PDB file of N, CA and C in Angstrom:
ATOM      1  N   MET A   1     165.135  58.354 103.573  1.00  0.00           N
ATOM      2  CA  MET A   1     166.483  58.780 103.732  1.00  0.00           C
ATOM      3  C   MET A   1     166.568  60.337 103.636  1.00  0.00           C
ATOM      4  N   PRO A   2     167.496  60.950 104.399  1.00  0.00           N
ATOM      5  CA  PRO A   2     167.694  62.375 104.272  1.00  0.00           C
ATOM      6  C   PRO A   2     168.295  62.766 102.918  1.00  0.00           C
ATOM      7  N   LYS A   3     168.038  63.990 102.525  1.00  0.00           N
ATOM      8  CA  LYS A   3     168.504  64.540 101.311  1.00  0.00           C
ATOM      9  C   LYS A   3     170.071  64.519 101.363  1.00  0.00           C
ATOM     10  N   THR A   4     170.626  64.071 100.281  1.00  0.00           N
ATOM     11  CA  THR A   4     172.114  64.092 100.109  1.00  0.00           C
ATOM     12  C   THR A   4     172.470  64.952  98.912  1.00  0.00           C
ATOM     13  N   THR A   5     173.405  65.866  99.039  1.00  0.00           N
ATOM     14  CA  THR A   5     173.862  66.722  98.026  1.00  0.00           C
ATOM     15  C   THR A   5     175.364  66.533  97.859  1.00  0.00           C
ATOM     16  N   GLN A   6     175.812  66.439  96.607  1.00  0.00           N
ATOM     17  CA  GLN A   6     177.221  66.335  96.280  1.00  0.00           C
ATOM     18  C   GLN A   6     177.598  67.545  95.433  1.00  0.00           C
ATOM     19  N   LEU A   7     178.769  68.041  95.711  1.00  0.00           N
ATOM     20  CA  LEU A   7     179.441  69.052  94.928  1.00  0.00           C
ATOM     21  C   LEU A   7     180.461  68.316  94.119  1.00  0.00           C
ATOM     22  N   ARG A   8     180.291  68.376  92.847  1.00  0.00           N
ATOM     23  CA  ARG A   8     181.240  67.611  91.962  1.00  0.00           C
ATOM     24  C   ARG A   8     182.059  68.511  91.152  1.00  0.00           C
ATOM     25  N   THR A   9     183.379  68.286  91.154  1.00  0.00           N
ATOM     26  CA  THR A   9     184.280  69.152  90.367  1.00  0.00           C
ATOM     27  C   THR A   9     185.007  68.168  89.397  1.00  0.00           C
ATOM     28  N   TYR A  10     184.869  68.444  88.110  1.00  0.00           N
ATOM     29  CA  TYR A  10     185.545  67.612  87.070  1.00  0.00           C
ATOM     30  C   TYR A  10     186.596  68.453  86.423  1.00  0.00           C
ATOM     31  N   THR A  11     187.794  67.988  86.235  1.00  0.00           N
ATOM     32  CA  THR A  11     188.805  68.613  85.443  1.00  0.00           C
ATOM     33  C   THR A  11     188.730  67.934  84.079  1.00  0.00           C
ATOM     34  N   VAL A  12     188.490  68.752  83.054  1.00  0.00           N
ATOM     35  CA  VAL A  12     188.253  68.235  81.710  1.00  0.00           C
ATOM     36  C   VAL A  12     189.501  68.402  80.858  1.00  0.00           C
ATOM     37  N   ARG A  13     189.669  67.385  79.904  1.00  0.00           N
ATOM     38  CA  ARG A  13     190.789  67.386  79.006  1.00  0.00           C
ATOM     39  C   ARG A  13     190.728  68.668  78.182  1.00  0.00           C
ATOM     40  N   ASP A  14     191.921  69.175  77.816  1.00  0.00           N
ATOM     41  CA  ASP A  14     192.022  70.407  76.995  1.00  0.00           C
ATOM     42  C   ASP A  14     191.233  70.208  75.682  1.00  0.00           C
ATOM     43  N   GLY A  15     190.429  71.255  75.385  1.00  0.00           N
ATOM     44  CA  GLY A  15     189.752  71.340  74.147  1.00  0.00           C
ATOM     45  C   GLY A  15     188.393  70.585  74.137  1.00  0.00           C
ATOM     46  N   LEU A  16     188.046  69.963  75.296  1.00  0.00           N
ATOM     47  CA  LEU A  16     186.783  69.174  75.322  1.00  0.00           C
ATOM     48  C   LEU A  16     185.783  69.737  76.312  1.00  0.00           C
ATOM     49  N   LEU A  17     186.049  70.894  76.940  1.00  0.00           N
ATOM     50  CA  LEU A  17     185.101  71.418  77.895  1.00  0.00           C
ATOM     51  C   LEU A  17     183.713  71.740  77.342  1.00  0.00           C
ATOM     52  N   ASP A  18     183.631  72.370  76.198  1.00  0.00           N
ATOM     53  CA  ASP A  18     182.371  72.742  75.635  1.00  0.00           C
ATOM     54  C   ASP A  18     181.581  71.493  75.200  1.00  0.00           C
ATOM     55  N   GLU A  19     182.323  70.558  74.633  1.00  0.00           N
ATOM     56  CA  GLU A  19     181.680  69.317  74.219  1.00  0.00           C
ATOM     57  C   GLU A  19     181.140  68.565  75.432  1.00  0.00           C
ATOM     58  N   TRP A  20     181.922  68.505  76.502  1.00  0.00           N
ATOM     59  CA  TRP A  20     181.443  67.861  77.745  1.00  0.00           C
ATOM     60  C   TRP A  20     180.219  68.490  78.235  1.00  0.00           C
ATOM     61  N   VAL A  21     180.174  69.814  78.310  1.00  0.00           N
ATOM     62  CA  VAL A  21     179.051  70.564  78.829  1.00  0.00           C
ATOM     63  C   VAL A  21     177.769  70.244  77.994  1.00  0.00           C
ATOM     64  N   GLU A  22     177.957  70.248  76.664  1.00  0.00           N
ATOM     65  CA  GLU A  22     176.782  70.006  75.794  1.00  0.00           C
ATOM     66  C   GLU A  22     176.285  68.573  76.047  1.00  0.00           C
ATOM     67  N   ARG A  23     177.138  67.575  76.090  1.00  0.00           N
ATOM     68  CA  ARG A  23     176.702  66.225  76.315  1.00  0.00           C
ATOM     69  C   ARG A  23     176.062  66.005  77.683  1.00  0.00           C
ATOM     70  N   TRP A  24     176.689  66.718  78.685  1.00  0.00           N
ATOM     71  CA  TRP A  24     176.059  66.624  80.080  1.00  0.00           C
ATOM     72  C   TRP A  24     174.650  67.192  80.055  1.00  0.00           C
ATOM     73  N   ARG A  25     174.471  68.377  79.409  1.00  0.00           N
ATOM     74  CA  ARG A  25     173.174  69.002  79.353  1.00  0.00           C
ATOM     75  C   ARG A  25     172.137  68.174  78.625  1.00  0.00           C
ATOM     76  N   GLU A  26     172.544  67.655  77.444  1.00  0.00           N
ATOM     77  CA  GLU A  26     171.608  66.988  76.539  1.00  0.00           C
ATOM     78  C   GLU A  26     171.345  65.510  76.916  1.00  0.00           C
ATOM     79  N   GLU A  27     172.343  64.858  77.537  1.00  0.00           N
ATOM     80  CA  GLU A  27     172.242  63.378  77.803  1.00  0.00           C
ATOM     81  C   GLU A  27     172.115  63.008  79.251  1.00  0.00           C
ATOM     82  N   ILE A  28     173.011  63.581  80.021  1.00  0.00           N
ATOM     83  CA  ILE A  28     173.088  63.248  81.495  1.00  0.00           C
ATOM     84  C   ILE A  28     172.001  63.836  82.296  1.00  0.00           C
ATOM     85  N   VAL A  29     171.748  65.095  82.116  1.00  0.00           N
ATOM     86  CA  VAL A  29     170.751  65.838  82.897  1.00  0.00           C
ATOM     87  C   VAL A  29     169.323  65.168  82.786  1.00  0.00           C
ATOM     88  N   PRO A  30     168.848  64.915  81.537  1.00  0.00           N
ATOM     89  CA  PRO A  30     167.510  64.352  81.447  1.00  0.00           C
ATOM     90  C   PRO A  30     167.388  62.983  82.197  1.00  0.00           C
ATOM     91  N   LEU A  31     168.433  62.107  82.123  1.00  0.00           N
ATOM     92  CA  LEU A  31     168.335  60.868  82.811  1.00  0.00           C
ATOM     93  C   LEU A  31     168.473  61.046  84.273  1.00  0.00           C
ATOM     94  N   ARG A  32     169.342  61.913  84.801  1.00  0.00           N
ATOM     95  CA  ARG A  32     169.341  62.192  86.247  1.00  0.00           C
ATOM     96  C   ARG A  32     168.084  62.695  86.765  1.00  0.00           C
ATOM     97  N   LEU A  33     167.378  63.592  86.034  1.00  0.00           N
ATOM     98  CA  LEU A  33     166.112  64.087  86.447  1.00  0.00           C
ATOM     99  C   LEU A  33     165.029  62.965  86.464  1.00  0.00           C
ATOM    100  N   LYS A  34     165.016  62.211  85.431  1.00  0.00           N
ATOM    101  CA  LYS A  34     164.107  61.109  85.327  1.00  0.00           C
ATOM    102  C   LYS A  34     164.200  60.149  86.475  1.00  0.00           C
ATOM    103  N   LEU A  35     165.421  59.914  87.001  1.00  0.00           N
ATOM    104  CA  LEU A  35     165.639  59.057  88.111  1.00  0.00           C
ATOM    105  C   LEU A  35     165.515  59.688  89.477  1.00  0.00           C
ATOM    106  N   GLY A  36     165.004  60.910  89.522  1.00  0.00           N
ATOM    107  CA  GLY A  36     164.679  61.561  90.787  1.00  0.00           C
ATOM    108  C   GLY A  36     165.748  62.410  91.367  1.00  0.00           C
ATOM    109  N   PHE A  37     166.836  62.649  90.711  1.00  0.00           N
ATOM    110  CA  PHE A  37     167.836  63.538  91.239  1.00  0.00           C
ATOM    111  C   PHE A  37     167.417  64.991  90.890  1.00  0.00           C
ATOM    112  N   THR A  38     167.919  65.953  91.730  1.00  0.00           N
ATOM    113  CA  THR A  38     167.754  67.333  91.413  1.00  0.00           C
ATOM    114  C   THR A  38     169.121  67.959  91.229  1.00  0.00           C
ATOM    115  N   LEU A  39     169.170  69.015  90.421  1.00  0.00           N
ATOM    116  CA  LEU A  39     170.392  69.714  90.132  1.00  0.00           C
ATOM    117  C   LEU A  39     170.406  71.124  90.689  1.00  0.00           C
ATOM    118  N   GLY A  40     171.370  71.480  91.465  1.00  0.00           N
ATOM    119  CA  GLY A  40     171.368  72.832  92.043  1.00  0.00           C
ATOM    120  C   GLY A  40     172.156  73.866  91.250  1.00  0.00           C
ATOM    121  N   GLY A  41     172.609  73.490  90.101  1.00  0.00           N
ATOM    122  CA  GLY A  41     173.338  74.387  89.223  1.00  0.00           C
ATOM    123  C   GLY A  41     174.562  73.781  88.671  1.00  0.00           C
ATOM    124  N   ALA A  42     175.130  74.365  87.655  1.00  0.00           N
ATOM    125  CA  ALA A  42     176.383  73.894  87.024  1.00  0.00           C
ATOM    126  C   ALA A  42     177.123  75.123  86.558  1.00  0.00           C
ATOM    127  N   TRP A  43     178.449  75.039  86.708  1.00  0.00           N
ATOM    128  CA  TRP A  43     179.351  76.149  86.395  1.00  0.00           C
ATOM    129  C   TRP A  43     180.555  75.680  85.606  1.00  0.00           C
ATOM    130  N   VAL A  44     181.103  76.548  84.773  1.00  0.00           N
ATOM    131  CA  VAL A  44     182.315  76.291  84.009  1.00  0.00           C
ATOM    132  C   VAL A  44     183.363  77.185  84.533  1.00  0.00           C
ATOM    133  N   ASP A  45     184.541  76.666  84.886  1.00  0.00           N
ATOM    134  CA  ASP A  45     185.728  77.386  85.279  1.00  0.00           C
ATOM    135  C   ASP A  45     186.700  77.268  84.162  1.00  0.00           C
ATOM    136  N   ARG A  46     186.714  78.161  83.157  1.00  0.00           N
ATOM    137  CA  ARG A  46     187.512  78.018  81.971  1.00  0.00           C
ATOM    138  C   ARG A  46     189.062  78.115  82.371  1.00  0.00           C
ATOM    139  N   GLN A  47     189.374  78.947  83.344  1.00  0.00           N
ATOM    140  CA  GLN A  47     190.737  79.158  83.709  1.00  0.00           C
ATOM    141  C   GLN A  47     191.427  77.856  84.116  1.00  0.00           C
ATOM    142  N   HIS A  48     190.613  76.970  84.855  1.00  0.00           N
ATOM    143  CA  HIS A  48     191.148  75.686  85.302  1.00  0.00           C
ATOM    144  C   HIS A  48     190.642  74.542  84.531  1.00  0.00           C
ATOM    145  N   ASN A  49     189.893  74.764  83.482  1.00  0.00           N
ATOM    146  CA  ASN A  49     189.302  73.705  82.640  1.00  0.00           C
ATOM    147  C   ASN A  49     188.465  72.772  83.468  1.00  0.00           C
ATOM    148  N   GLN A  50     187.613  73.404  84.289  1.00  0.00           N
ATOM    149  CA  GLN A  50     186.780  72.585  85.203  1.00  0.00           C
ATOM    150  C   GLN A  50     185.332  72.763  84.981  1.00  0.00           C
ATOM    151  N   PHE A  51     184.551  71.734  85.303  1.00  0.00           N
ATOM    152  CA  PHE A  51     183.123  71.748  85.276  1.00  0.00           C
ATOM    153  C   PHE A  51     182.656  71.386  86.735  1.00  0.00           C
ATOM    154  N   ILE A  52     181.859  72.238  87.313  1.00  0.00           N
ATOM    155  CA  ILE A  52     181.398  72.137  88.735  1.00  0.00           C
ATOM    156  C   ILE A  52     179.924  72.064  88.753  1.00  0.00           C
ATOM    157  N   TRP A  53     179.337  71.126  89.512  1.00  0.00           N
ATOM    158  CA  TRP A  53     177.899  71.043  89.585  1.00  0.00           C
ATOM    159  C   TRP A  53     177.474  70.426  90.919  1.00  0.00           C
ATOM    160  N   LEU A  54     176.205  70.752  91.211  1.00  0.00           N
ATOM    161  CA  LEU A  54     175.582  70.225  92.481  1.00  0.00           C
ATOM    162  C   LEU A  54     174.460  69.257  92.111  1.00  0.00           C
ATOM    163  N   ILE A  55     174.469  68.116  92.685  1.00  0.00           N
ATOM    164  CA  ILE A  55     173.477  67.052  92.403  1.00  0.00           C
ATOM    165  C   ILE A  55     172.932  66.613  93.787  1.00  0.00           C
ATOM    166  N   SER A  56     171.650  66.399  93.931  1.00  0.00           N
ATOM    167  CA  SER A  56     171.004  65.945  95.116  1.00  0.00           C
ATOM    168  C   SER A  56     170.047  64.820  94.851  1.00  0.00           C
ATOM    169  N   TYR A  57     169.821  64.087  95.916  1.00  0.00           N
ATOM    170  CA  TYR A  57     168.873  62.995  95.908  1.00  0.00           C
ATOM    171  C   TYR A  57     168.165  63.004  97.220  1.00  0.00           C
ATOM    172  N   ASP A  58     166.841  63.024  97.172  1.00  0.00           N
ATOM    173  CA  ASP A  58     166.009  62.910  98.448  1.00  0.00           C
ATOM    174  C   ASP A  58     164.891  61.927  98.157  1.00  0.00           C
ATOM    175  N   GLY A  59     165.195  60.694  98.431  1.00  0.00           N
ATOM    176  CA  GLY A  59     164.196  59.645  98.127  1.00  0.00           C
ATOM    177  C   GLY A  59     164.276  58.468  99.090  1.00  0.00           C
ATOM    178  N   PRO A  60     163.593  57.393  98.695  1.00  0.00           N
ATOM    179  CA  PRO A  60     163.593  56.256  99.562  1.00  0.00           C
ATOM    180  C   PRO A  60     164.899  55.493  99.680  1.00  0.00           C
ATOM    181  N   GLU A  61     165.743  55.607  98.681  1.00  0.00           N
ATOM    182  CA  GLU A  61     167.054  54.934  98.653  1.00  0.00           C
ATOM    183  C   GLU A  61     168.116  55.936  99.091  1.00  0.00           C
ATOM    184  N   THR A  62     169.302  55.398  99.355  1.00  0.00           N
ATOM    185  CA  THR A  62     170.476  56.285  99.628  1.00  0.00           C
ATOM    186  C   THR A  62     170.878  56.845  98.307  1.00  0.00           C
ATOM    187  N   PHE A  63     171.686  57.902  98.386  1.00  0.00           N
ATOM    188  CA  PHE A  63     172.297  58.533  97.194  1.00  0.00           C
ATOM    189  C   PHE A  63     173.146  57.458  96.421  1.00  0.00           C
ATOM    190  N   THR A  64     173.881  56.681  97.156  1.00  0.00           N
ATOM    191  CA  THR A  64     174.748  55.669  96.574  1.00  0.00           C
ATOM    192  C   THR A  64     173.899  54.649  95.836  1.00  0.00           C
ATOM    193  N   GLU A  65     172.811  54.204  96.392  1.00  0.00           N
ATOM    194  CA  GLU A  65     171.982  53.182  95.729  1.00  0.00           C
ATOM    195  C   GLU A  65     171.312  53.824  94.472  1.00  0.00           C
ATOM    196  N   ARG A  66     170.825  55.015  94.542  1.00  0.00           N
ATOM    197  CA  ARG A  66     170.228  55.682  93.392  1.00  0.00           C
ATOM    198  C   ARG A  66     171.270  55.927  92.318  1.00  0.00           C
ATOM    199  N   ASN A  67     172.445  56.298  92.724  1.00  0.00           N
ATOM    200  CA  ASN A  67     173.518  56.541  91.738  1.00  0.00           C
ATOM    201  C   ASN A  67     173.831  55.252  91.005  1.00  0.00           C
ATOM    202  N   ALA A  68     173.875  54.100  91.725  1.00  0.00           N
ATOM    203  CA  ALA A  68     174.212  52.904  91.104  1.00  0.00           C
ATOM    204  C   ALA A  68     173.084  52.525  90.047  1.00  0.00           C
ATOM    205  N   LEU A  69     171.829  52.898  90.317  1.00  0.00           N
ATOM    206  CA  LEU A  69     170.730  52.716  89.377  1.00  0.00           C
ATOM    207  C   LEU A  69     170.995  53.511  88.144  1.00  0.00           C
ATOM    208  N   TYR A  70     171.464  54.779  88.317  1.00  0.00           N
ATOM    209  CA  TYR A  70     171.752  55.605  87.188  1.00  0.00           C
ATOM    210  C   TYR A  70     172.795  54.915  86.236  1.00  0.00           C
ATOM    211  N   TRP A  71     173.870  54.460  86.858  1.00  0.00           N
ATOM    212  CA  TRP A  71     174.993  53.813  86.073  1.00  0.00           C
ATOM    213  C   TRP A  71     174.544  52.508  85.397  1.00  0.00           C
ATOM    214  N   ALA A  72     173.563  51.860  85.961  1.00  0.00           N
ATOM    215  CA  ALA A  72     173.112  50.582  85.460  1.00  0.00           C
ATOM    216  C   ALA A  72     171.944  50.759  84.415  1.00  0.00           C
ATOM    217  N   ALA A  73     171.443  51.930  84.318  1.00  0.00           N
ATOM    218  CA  ALA A  73     170.293  52.235  83.422  1.00  0.00           C
ATOM    219  C   ALA A  73     170.619  51.923  81.951  1.00  0.00           C
ATOM    220  N   PRO A  74     169.756  51.318  81.178  1.00  0.00           N
ATOM    221  CA  PRO A  74     170.043  51.075  79.788  1.00  0.00           C
ATOM    222  C   PRO A  74     170.186  52.427  79.041  1.00  0.00           C
ATOM    223  N   GLU A  75     169.470  53.481  79.519  1.00  0.00           N
ATOM    224  CA  GLU A  75     169.651  54.803  78.839  1.00  0.00           C
ATOM    225  C   GLU A  75     171.074  55.315  78.965  1.00  0.00           C
ATOM    226  N   ARG A  76     171.701  54.970  80.133  1.00  0.00           N
ATOM    227  CA  ARG A  76     173.066  55.469  80.417  1.00  0.00           C
ATOM    228  C   ARG A  76     174.041  54.713  79.451  1.00  0.00           C
ATOM    229  N   GLU A  77     173.833  53.442  79.352  1.00  0.00           N
ATOM    230  CA  GLU A  77     174.686  52.699  78.458  1.00  0.00           C
ATOM    231  C   GLU A  77     174.494  53.111  76.996  1.00  0.00           C
ATOM    232  N   ALA A  78     173.289  53.418  76.663  1.00  0.00           N
ATOM    233  CA  ALA A  78     173.032  53.794  75.238  1.00  0.00           C
ATOM    234  C   ALA A  78     173.632  55.147  74.875  1.00  0.00           C
ATOM    235  N   MET A  79     174.050  55.946  75.844  1.00  0.00           N
ATOM    236  CA  MET A  79     174.752  57.194  75.593  1.00  0.00           C
ATOM    237  C   MET A  79     176.071  56.989  74.860  1.00  0.00           C
ATOM    238  N   GLY A  80     176.704  55.862  75.150  1.00  0.00           N
ATOM    239  CA  GLY A  80     178.021  55.678  74.599  1.00  0.00           C
ATOM    240  C   GLY A  80     179.053  56.785  75.110  1.00  0.00           C
ATOM    241  N   LEU A  81     178.761  57.207  76.307  1.00  0.00           N
ATOM    242  CA  LEU A  81     179.548  58.280  76.895  1.00  0.00           C
ATOM    243  C   LEU A  81     180.511  57.771  77.914  1.00  0.00           C
ATOM    244  N   ASP A  82     181.797  57.702  77.579  1.00  0.00           N
ATOM    245  CA  ASP A  82     182.803  57.269  78.526  1.00  0.00           C
ATOM    246  C   ASP A  82     183.415  58.477  79.215  1.00  0.00           C
ATOM    247  N   PRO A  83     183.149  58.726  80.481  1.00  0.00           N
ATOM    248  CA  PRO A  83     183.675  59.902  81.163  1.00  0.00           C
ATOM    249  C   PRO A  83     185.224  60.007  81.043  1.00  0.00           C
ATOM    250  N   ASP A  84     185.937  58.875  81.019  1.00  0.00           N
ATOM    251  CA  ASP A  84     187.379  58.926  80.917  1.00  0.00           C
ATOM    252  C   ASP A  84     187.857  59.605  79.555  1.00  0.00           C
ATOM    253  N   HIS A  85     187.049  59.659  78.589  1.00  0.00           N
ATOM    254  CA  HIS A  85     187.364  60.284  77.328  1.00  0.00           C
ATOM    255  C   HIS A  85     187.448  61.818  77.609  1.00  0.00           C
ATOM    256  N   TYR A  86     186.612  62.340  78.465  1.00  0.00           N
ATOM    257  CA  TYR A  86     186.540  63.759  78.729  1.00  0.00           C
ATOM    258  C   TYR A  86     187.285  64.237  80.005  1.00  0.00           C
ATOM    259  N   LEU A  87     187.210  63.409  81.036  1.00  0.00           N
ATOM    260  CA  LEU A  87     187.660  63.877  82.345  1.00  0.00           C
ATOM    261  C   LEU A  87     188.992  63.384  82.759  1.00  0.00           C
ATOM    262  N   ILE A  88     189.858  64.326  83.272  1.00  0.00           N
ATOM    263  CA  ILE A  88     191.140  63.941  83.747  1.00  0.00           C
ATOM    264  C   ILE A  88     190.986  63.482  85.256  1.00  0.00           C
ATOM    265  N   SER A  89     190.185  64.225  85.935  1.00  0.00           N
ATOM    266  CA  SER A  89     189.921  63.889  87.327  1.00  0.00           C
ATOM    267  C   SER A  89     188.581  64.295  87.819  1.00  0.00           C
ATOM    268  N   THR A  90     188.105  63.663  88.832  1.00  0.00           N
ATOM    269  CA  THR A  90     186.856  63.990  89.409  1.00  0.00           C
ATOM    270  C   THR A  90     186.945  64.105  90.960  1.00  0.00           C
ATOM    271  N   GLU A  91     186.245  65.067  91.520  1.00  0.00           N
ATOM    272  CA  GLU A  91     186.167  65.162  92.958  1.00  0.00           C
ATOM    273  C   GLU A  91     184.693  65.255  93.330  1.00  0.00           C
ATOM    274  N   GLU A  92     184.268  64.410  94.320  1.00  0.00           N
ATOM    275  CA  GLU A  92     182.912  64.466  94.782  1.00  0.00           C
ATOM    276  C   GLU A  92     182.979  64.738  96.258  1.00  0.00           C
ATOM    277  N   ARG A  93     182.242  65.780  96.709  1.00  0.00           N
ATOM    278  CA  ARG A  93     182.116  66.019  98.119  1.00  0.00           C
ATOM    279  C   ARG A  93     180.644  66.092  98.523  1.00  0.00           C
ATOM    280  N   THR A  94     180.364  65.391  99.598  1.00  0.00           N
ATOM    281  CA  THR A  94     179.037  65.489 100.144  1.00  0.00           C
ATOM    282  C   THR A  94     178.950  66.727 101.006  1.00  0.00           C
ATOM    283  N   VAL A  95     177.974  67.588 100.688  1.00  0.00           N
ATOM    284  CA  VAL A  95     177.915  68.927 101.399  1.00  0.00           C
ATOM    285  C   VAL A  95     176.541  69.093 102.033  1.00  0.00           C
ATOM    286  N   GLU A  96     176.397  69.989 103.028  1.00  0.00           N
ATOM    287  CA  GLU A  96     175.210  70.376 103.666  1.00  0.00           C
ATOM    288  C   GLU A  96     174.904  71.806 103.496  1.00  0.00           C
ATOM    289  N   VAL A  97     173.633  72.179 103.481  1.00  0.00           N
ATOM    290  CA  VAL A  97     173.317  73.632 103.353  1.00  0.00           C
ATOM    291  C   VAL A  97     173.627  74.332 104.701  1.00  0.00           C
ATOM    292  N   ALA A  98     174.303  75.443 104.596  1.00  0.00           N
ATOM    293  CA  ALA A  98     174.631  76.236 105.740  1.00  0.00           C
ATOM    294  C   ALA A  98     173.874  77.598 105.738  1.00  0.00           C
ATOM    295  N   TYR A  99     173.365  77.951 104.605  1.00  0.00           N
ATOM    296  CA  TYR A  99     172.676  79.256 104.498  1.00  0.00           C
ATOM    297  C   TYR A  99     171.618  79.121 103.421  1.00  0.00           C
TER     298      TYR A  99
END
């Protein structure tokens, strides 16, 4: 399958941005990497209380299939991390490299 990259923008609940970033770094990132995803960076937009990141997958399955594997992983369940606790909204855009 060709490489798929998503630009994800999360609007985080007031007062939880730093906690979200810490949990993302410590819990989500290691599992995503273990499952073959690559991360192109992550940014915090404090003015808009947003967390923005790039995630890619370039493997034998589609991005959607691999993402479903992430969500079904026992390690993911063990996190006890409910995104709805932190996130007001999410936007995912599939993007291509232009430069």
